């Protein structure tokens, strides 16, 4: 049931956006350009890099600790 409601909501949003675009209801400043990546992609890519760096630092620290104890 949830899946069908989400699909219906997505279709409604898509229809409203298309109709608004045809009637020039939205100014150019809020229309995304084709060349711009979505903002959530930029945010998640930065967060991913930071998490990977922290993870690698933790792994390296643990490896050093294990090697010094042996």
PDB file of N, CA and C in Angstrom:
ATOM      1  N   UNK A   1       0.824  -1.198   0.000  1.00  0.00           N
ATOM      2  CA  UNK A   1       0.000   0.000   0.000  1.00  0.00           C
ATOM      3  C   UNK A   1       0.862   1.252   0.000  1.00  0.00           C
ATOM      4  N   UNK A   2       1.922   1.266   0.810  1.00  0.00           N
ATOM      5  CA  UNK A   2       2.780   2.443   0.861  1.00  0.00           C
ATOM      6  C   UNK A   2       3.439   2.703  -0.485  1.00  0.00           C
ATOM      7  N   UNK A   3       3.835   1.614  -1.148  1.00  0.00           N
ATOM      8  CA  UNK A   3       4.520   1.763  -2.423  1.00  0.00           C
ATOM      9  C   UNK A   3       3.623   2.439  -3.445  1.00  0.00           C
ATOM     10  N   UNK A   4       2.357   2.050  -3.497  1.00  0.00           N
ATOM     11  CA  UNK A   4       1.448   2.656  -4.464  1.00  0.00           C
ATOM     12  C   UNK A   4       1.182   4.122  -4.124  1.00  0.00           C
ATOM     13  N   UNK A   5       1.121   4.446  -2.828  1.00  0.00           N
ATOM     14  CA  UNK A   5       0.919   5.845  -2.448  1.00  0.00           C
ATOM     15  C   UNK A   5       2.128   6.691  -2.815  1.00  0.00           C
ATOM     16  N   UNK A   6       3.328   6.145  -2.617  1.00  0.00           N
ATOM     17  CA  UNK A   6       4.524   6.891  -2.985  1.00  0.00           C
ATOM     18  C   UNK A   6       4.595   7.087  -4.488  1.00  0.00           C
ATOM     19  N   UNK A   7       4.264   6.066  -5.248  1.00  0.00           N
ATOM     20  CA  UNK A   7       4.281   6.204  -6.697  1.00  0.00           C
ATOM     21  C   UNK A   7       3.265   7.237  -7.155  1.00  0.00           C
ATOM     22  N   UNK A   8       2.084   7.241  -6.533  1.00  0.00           N
ATOM     23  CA  UNK A   8       1.062   8.217  -6.888  1.00  0.00           C
ATOM     24  C   UNK A   8       1.533   9.626  -6.545  1.00  0.00           C
ATOM     25  N   UNK A   9       2.146   9.789  -5.379  1.00  0.00           N
ATOM     26  CA  UNK A   9       2.638  11.107  -4.982  1.00  0.00           C
ATOM     27  C   UNK A   9       3.743  11.573  -5.923  1.00  0.00           C
ATOM     28  N   UNK A  10       4.628  10.660  -6.306  1.00  0.00           N
ATOM     29  CA  UNK A  10       5.692  11.021  -7.245  1.00  0.00           C
ATOM     30  C   UNK A  10       5.120  11.459  -8.582  1.00  0.00           C
ATOM     31  N   UNK A  11       4.093  10.757  -9.043  1.00  0.00           N
ATOM     32  CA  UNK A  11       3.481  11.113 -10.327  1.00  0.00           C
ATOM     33  C   UNK A  11       2.789  12.464 -10.250  1.00  0.00           C
ATOM     34  N   UNK A  12       2.154  12.741  -9.115  1.00  0.00           N
ATOM     35  CA  UNK A  12       1.490  14.037  -8.949  1.00  0.00           C
ATOM     36  C   UNK A  12       2.521  15.163  -8.943  1.00  0.00           C
ATOM     37  N   UNK A  13       3.602  14.976  -8.206  1.00  0.00           N
ATOM     38  CA  UNK A  13       4.655  15.997  -8.152  1.00  0.00           C
ATOM     39  C   UNK A  13       5.252  16.209  -9.533  1.00  0.00           C
ATOM     40  N   UNK A  14       5.503  15.125 -10.253  1.00  0.00           N
ATOM     41  CA  UNK A  14       6.064  15.232 -11.599  1.00  0.00           C
ATOM     42  C   UNK A  14       5.101  15.971 -12.524  1.00  0.00           C
ATOM     43  N   UNK A  15       3.816  15.652 -12.436  1.00  0.00           N
ATOM     44  CA  UNK A  15       2.819  16.316 -13.269  1.00  0.00           C
ATOM     45  C   UNK A  15       2.745  17.808 -12.949  1.00  0.00           C
ATOM     46  N   UNK A  16       2.696  18.135 -11.656  1.00  0.00           N
ATOM     47  CA  UNK A  16       2.606  19.545 -11.276  1.00  0.00           C
ATOM     48  C   UNK A  16       3.847  20.324 -11.709  1.00  0.00           C
ATOM     49  N   UNK A  17       5.016  19.708 -11.584  1.00  0.00           N
ATOM     50  CA  UNK A  17       6.244  20.381 -11.999  1.00  0.00           C
ATOM     51  C   UNK A  17       6.235  20.615 -13.509  1.00  0.00           C
ATOM     52  N   UNK A  18       5.801  19.600 -14.267  1.00  0.00           N
ATOM     53  CA  UNK A  18       5.769  19.726 -15.729  1.00  0.00           C
ATOM     54  C   UNK A  18       4.772  20.802 -16.160  1.00  0.00           C
ATOM     55  N   UNK A  19       3.589  20.812 -15.546  1.00  0.00           N
ATOM     56  CA  UNK A  19       2.591  21.821 -15.890  1.00  0.00           C
ATOM     57  C   UNK A  19       3.067  23.224 -15.503  1.00  0.00           C
ATOM     58  N   UNK A  20       3.680  23.350 -14.343  1.00  0.00           N
ATOM     59  CA  UNK A  20       4.211  24.643 -13.927  1.00  0.00           C
ATOM     60  C   UNK A  20       5.315  25.125 -14.844  1.00  0.00           C
ATOM     61  N   UNK A  21       6.116  24.189 -15.324  1.00  0.00           N
ATOM     62  CA  UNK A  21       7.192  24.537 -16.245  1.00  0.00           C
ATOM     63  C   UNK A  21       6.629  24.995 -17.584  1.00  0.00           C
ATOM     64  N   UNK A  22       5.582  24.337 -18.054  1.00  0.00           N
ATOM     65  CA  UNK A  22       4.959  24.730 -19.327  1.00  0.00           C
ATOM     66  C   UNK A  22       4.357  26.127 -19.236  1.00  0.00           C
ATOM     67  N   UNK A  23       3.811  26.458 -18.076  1.00  0.00           N
ATOM     68  CA  UNK A  23       3.137  27.750 -17.898  1.00  0.00           C
ATOM     69  C   UNK A  23       4.066  28.823 -17.334  1.00  0.00           C
ATOM     70  N   UNK A  24       5.348  28.497 -17.209  1.00  0.00           N
ATOM     71  CA  UNK A  24       6.363  29.431 -16.702  1.00  0.00           C
ATOM     72  C   UNK A  24       6.008  29.965 -15.315  1.00  0.00           C
ATOM     73  N   UNK A  25       5.567  29.066 -14.433  1.00  0.00           N
ATOM     74  CA  UNK A  25       5.228  29.471 -13.070  1.00  0.00           C
ATOM     75  C   UNK A  25       6.454  29.610 -12.182  1.00  0.00           C
ATOM     76  N   UNK A  26       7.541  28.942 -12.555  1.00  0.00           N
ATOM     77  CA  UNK A  26       8.747  28.961 -11.733  1.00  0.00           C
ATOM     78  C   UNK A  26       9.809  29.834 -12.391  1.00  0.00           C
ATOM     79  N   UNK A  27      10.402  30.768 -11.647  1.00  0.00           N
ATOM     80  CA  UNK A  27      11.489  31.565 -12.228  1.00  0.00           C
ATOM     81  C   UNK A  27      12.728  30.693 -12.455  1.00  0.00           C
ATOM     82  N   UNK A  28      13.630  31.188 -13.289  1.00  0.00           N
ATOM     83  CA  UNK A  28      14.828  30.424 -13.627  1.00  0.00           C
ATOM     84  C   UNK A  28      15.710  30.141 -12.421  1.00  0.00           C
ATOM     85  N   UNK A  29      15.642  30.998 -11.398  1.00  0.00           N
ATOM     86  CA  UNK A  29      16.541  30.821 -10.256  1.00  0.00           C
ATOM     87  C   UNK A  29      16.228  29.563  -9.445  1.00  0.00           C
ATOM     88  N   UNK A  30      15.015  29.015  -9.534  1.00  0.00           N
ATOM     89  CA  UNK A  30      14.725  27.803  -8.767  1.00  0.00           C
ATOM     90  C   UNK A  30      14.696  26.552  -9.629  1.00  0.00           C
ATOM     91  N   UNK A  31      14.888  26.698 -10.925  1.00  0.00           N
ATOM     92  CA  UNK A  31      14.962  25.520 -11.784  1.00  0.00           C
ATOM     93  C   UNK A  31      16.376  24.971 -11.757  1.00  0.00           C
ATOM     94  N   UNK A  32      16.538  23.692 -11.516  1.00  0.00           N
ATOM     95  CA  UNK A  32      17.893  23.130 -11.530  1.00  0.00           C
ATOM     96  C   UNK A  32      18.435  23.055 -12.951  1.00  0.00           C
ATOM     97  N   UNK A  33      19.685  23.382 -13.101  1.00  0.00           N
ATOM     98  CA  UNK A  33      20.326  23.273 -14.407  1.00  0.00           C
ATOM     99  C   UNK A  33      20.724  21.825 -14.651  1.00  0.00           C
ATOM    100  N   UNK A  34      20.820  21.450 -15.916  1.00  0.00           N
ATOM    101  CA  UNK A  34      21.214  20.081 -16.242  1.00  0.00           C
ATOM    102  C   UNK A  34      22.648  19.796 -15.834  1.00  0.00           C
ATOM    103  N   UNK A  35      23.475  20.832 -15.794  1.00  0.00           N
ATOM    104  CA  UNK A  35      24.890  20.621 -15.495  1.00  0.00           C
ATOM    105  C   UNK A  35      25.177  20.544 -13.993  1.00  0.00           C
ATOM    106  N   UNK A  36      24.231  20.930 -13.150  1.00  0.00           N
ATOM    107  CA  UNK A  36      24.456  20.932 -11.705  1.00  0.00           C
ATOM    108  C   UNK A  36      24.156  19.558 -11.113  1.00  0.00           C
ATOM    109  N   UNK A  37      25.049  19.045 -10.280  1.00  0.00           N
ATOM    110  CA  UNK A  37      24.705  17.802  -9.586  1.00  0.00           C
ATOM    111  C   UNK A  37      23.690  18.099  -8.487  1.00  0.00           C
ATOM    112  N   UNK A  38      22.872  17.144  -8.124  1.00  0.00           N
ATOM    113  CA  UNK A  38      21.918  17.392  -7.046  1.00  0.00           C
ATOM    114  C   UNK A  38      22.639  17.720  -5.740  1.00  0.00           C
ATOM    115  N   UNK A  39      22.101  18.629  -4.927  1.00  0.00           N
ATOM    116  CA  UNK A  39      22.794  19.032  -3.703  1.00  0.00           C
ATOM    117  C   UNK A  39      23.011  17.886  -2.721  1.00  0.00           C
ATOM    118  N   UNK A  40      22.088  16.924  -2.649  1.00  0.00           N
ATOM    119  CA  UNK A  40      22.288  15.824  -1.704  1.00  0.00           C
ATOM    120  C   UNK A  40      23.482  14.974  -2.099  1.00  0.00           C
ATOM    121  N   UNK A  41      23.788  14.907  -3.398  1.00  0.00           N
ATOM    122  CA  UNK A  41      24.959  14.146  -3.836  1.00  0.00           C
ATOM    123  C   UNK A  41      26.233  14.815  -3.326  1.00  0.00           C
ATOM    124  N   UNK A  42      26.283  16.143  -3.415  1.00  0.00           N
ATOM    125  CA  UNK A  42      27.463  16.862  -2.935  1.00  0.00           C
ATOM    126  C   UNK A  42      27.634  16.671  -1.437  1.00  0.00           C
ATOM    127  N   UNK A  43      26.536  16.713  -0.689  1.00  0.00           N
ATOM    128  CA  UNK A  43      26.614  16.554   0.759  1.00  0.00           C
ATOM    129  C   UNK A  43      27.072  15.146   1.124  1.00  0.00           C
ATOM    130  N   UNK A  44      26.477  14.137   0.493  1.00  0.00           N
ATOM    131  CA  UNK A  44      26.814  12.768   0.866  1.00  0.00           C
ATOM    132  C   UNK A  44      28.215  12.395   0.426  1.00  0.00           C
ATOM    133  N   UNK A  45      28.693  12.967  -0.677  1.00  0.00           N
ATOM    134  CA  UNK A  45      30.054  12.629  -1.102  1.00  0.00           C
ATOM    135  C   UNK A  45      31.074  13.196  -0.113  1.00  0.00           C
ATOM    136  N   UNK A  46      30.838  14.391   0.409  1.00  0.00           N
ATOM    137  CA  UNK A  46      31.737  14.960   1.408  1.00  0.00           C
ATOM    138  C   UNK A  46      31.693  14.186   2.710  1.00  0.00           C
ATOM    139  N   UNK A  47      30.503  13.808   3.128  1.00  0.00           N
ATOM    140  CA  UNK A  47      30.362  13.034   4.363  1.00  0.00           C
ATOM    141  C   UNK A  47      31.003  11.666   4.206  1.00  0.00           C
ATOM    142  N   UNK A  48      30.865  11.085   3.034  1.00  0.00           N
ATOM    143  CA  UNK A  48      31.449   9.762   2.795  1.00  0.00           C
ATOM    144  C   UNK A  48      32.970   9.823   2.908  1.00  0.00           C
ATOM    145  N   UNK A  49      33.572  10.864   2.341  1.00  0.00           N
ATOM    146  CA  UNK A  49      35.027  11.003   2.406  1.00  0.00           C
ATOM    147  C   UNK A  49      35.501  11.143   3.853  1.00  0.00           C
ATOM    148  N   UNK A  50      34.771  11.928   4.645  1.00  0.00           N
ATOM    149  CA  UNK A  50      35.152  12.126   6.044  1.00  0.00           C
ATOM    150  C   UNK A  50      35.015  10.833   6.844  1.00  0.00           C
ATOM    151  N   UNK A  51      33.956  10.087   6.590  1.00  0.00           N
ATOM    152  CA  UNK A  51      33.753   8.823   7.302  1.00  0.00           C
ATOM    153  C   UNK A  51      34.844   7.828   6.925  1.00  0.00           C
ATOM    154  N   UNK A  52      35.172   7.761   5.634  1.00  0.00           N
ATOM    155  CA  UNK A  52      36.227   6.844   5.199  1.00  0.00           C
ATOM    156  C   UNK A  52      37.569   7.214   5.821  1.00  0.00           C
ATOM    157  N   UNK A  53      37.870   8.506   5.897  1.00  0.00           N
ATOM    158  CA  UNK A  53      39.137   8.940   6.495  1.00  0.00           C
ATOM    159  C   UNK A  53      39.179   8.582   7.985  1.00  0.00           C
ATOM    160  N   UNK A  54      38.082   8.811   8.682  1.00  0.00           N
ATOM    161  CA  UNK A  54      38.034   8.473  10.111  1.00  0.00           C
ATOM    162  C   UNK A  54      38.138   6.964  10.310  1.00  0.00           C
ATOM    163  N   UNK A  55      37.480   6.206   9.451  1.00  0.00           N
ATOM    164  CA  UNK A  55      37.529   4.745   9.555  1.00  0.00           C
ATOM    165  C   UNK A  55      38.949   4.232   9.323  1.00  0.00           C
ATOM    166  N   UNK A  56      39.611   4.757   8.295  1.00  0.00           N
ATOM    167  CA  UNK A  56      40.980   4.319   7.996  1.00  0.00           C
ATOM    168  C   UNK A  56      41.923   4.709   9.134  1.00  0.00           C
ATOM    169  N   UNK A  57      41.730   5.880   9.728  1.00  0.00           N
ATOM    170  CA  UNK A  57      42.573   6.292  10.854  1.00  0.00           C
ATOM    171  C   UNK A  57      42.367   5.355  12.041  1.00  0.00           C
ATOM    172  N   UNK A  58      41.127   4.970  12.293  1.00  0.00           N
ATOM    173  CA  UNK A  58      40.843   4.053  13.400  1.00  0.00           C
ATOM    174  C   UNK A  58      41.457   2.681  13.139  1.00  0.00           C
ATOM    175  N   UNK A  59      41.371   2.213  11.905  1.00  0.00           N
ATOM    176  CA  UNK A  59      41.955   0.909  11.562  1.00  0.00           C
ATOM    177  C   UNK A  59      43.472   0.953  11.714  1.00  0.00           C
ATOM    178  N   UNK A  60      44.095   2.007  11.209  1.00  0.00           N
ATOM    179  CA  UNK A  60      45.553   2.127  11.320  1.00  0.00           C
ATOM    180  C   UNK A  60      45.991   2.199  12.782  1.00  0.00           C
ATOM    181  N   UNK A  61      45.226   2.911  13.600  1.00  0.00           N
ATOM    182  CA  UNK A  61      45.558   3.016  15.023  1.00  0.00           C
ATOM    183  C   UNK A  61      45.458   1.647  15.689  1.00  0.00           C
ATOM    184  N   UNK A  62      44.425   0.887  15.336  1.00  0.00           N
ATOM    185  CA  UNK A  62      44.244  -0.448  15.913  1.00  0.00           C
ATOM    186  C   UNK A  62      45.352  -1.393  15.454  1.00  0.00           C
ATOM    187  N   UNK A  63      45.747  -1.312  14.202  1.00  0.00           N
ATOM    188  CA  UNK A  63      46.831  -2.163  13.691  1.00  0.00           C
ATOM    189  C   UNK A  63      48.127  -1.856  14.432  1.00  0.00           C
ATOM    190  N   UNK A  64      48.410  -0.567  14.635  1.00  0.00           N
ATOM    191  CA  UNK A  64      49.630  -0.191  15.360  1.00  0.00           C
ATOM    192  C   UNK A  64      49.589  -0.706  16.797  1.00  0.00           C
ATOM    193  N   UNK A  65      48.417  -0.635  17.426  1.00  0.00           N
ATOM    194  CA  UNK A  65      48.287  -1.098  18.807  1.00  0.00           C
ATOM    195  C   UNK A  65      48.518  -2.604  18.889  1.00  0.00           C
ATOM    196  N   UNK A  66      47.950  -3.340  17.961  1.00  0.00           N
ATOM    197  CA  UNK A  66      48.112  -4.800  17.964  1.00  0.00           C
ATOM    198  C   UNK A  66      49.566  -5.174  17.707  1.00  0.00           C
ATOM    199  N   UNK A  67      50.213  -4.490  16.773  1.00  0.00           N
ATOM    200  CA  UNK A  67      51.598  -4.822  16.441  1.00  0.00           C
ATOM    201  C   UNK A  67      52.552  -4.494  17.592  1.00  0.00           C
ATOM    202  N   UNK A  68      52.276  -3.427  18.327  1.00  0.00           N
ATOM    203  CA  UNK A  68      53.175  -3.071  19.431  1.00  0.00           C
ATOM    204  C   UNK A  68      52.991  -4.001  20.626  1.00  0.00           C
ATOM    205  N   UNK A  69      51.807  -4.576  20.782  1.00  0.00           N
ATOM    206  CA  UNK A  69      51.570  -5.505  21.888  1.00  0.00           C
ATOM    207  C   UNK A  69      52.216  -6.860  21.635  1.00  0.00           C
ATOM    208  N   UNK A  70      52.387  -7.216  20.389  1.00  0.00           N
ATOM    209  CA  UNK A  70      52.945  -8.543  20.051  1.00  0.00           C
ATOM    210  C   UNK A  70      54.391  -8.538  20.198  1.00  0.00           C
TER     211      UNK A  70
END
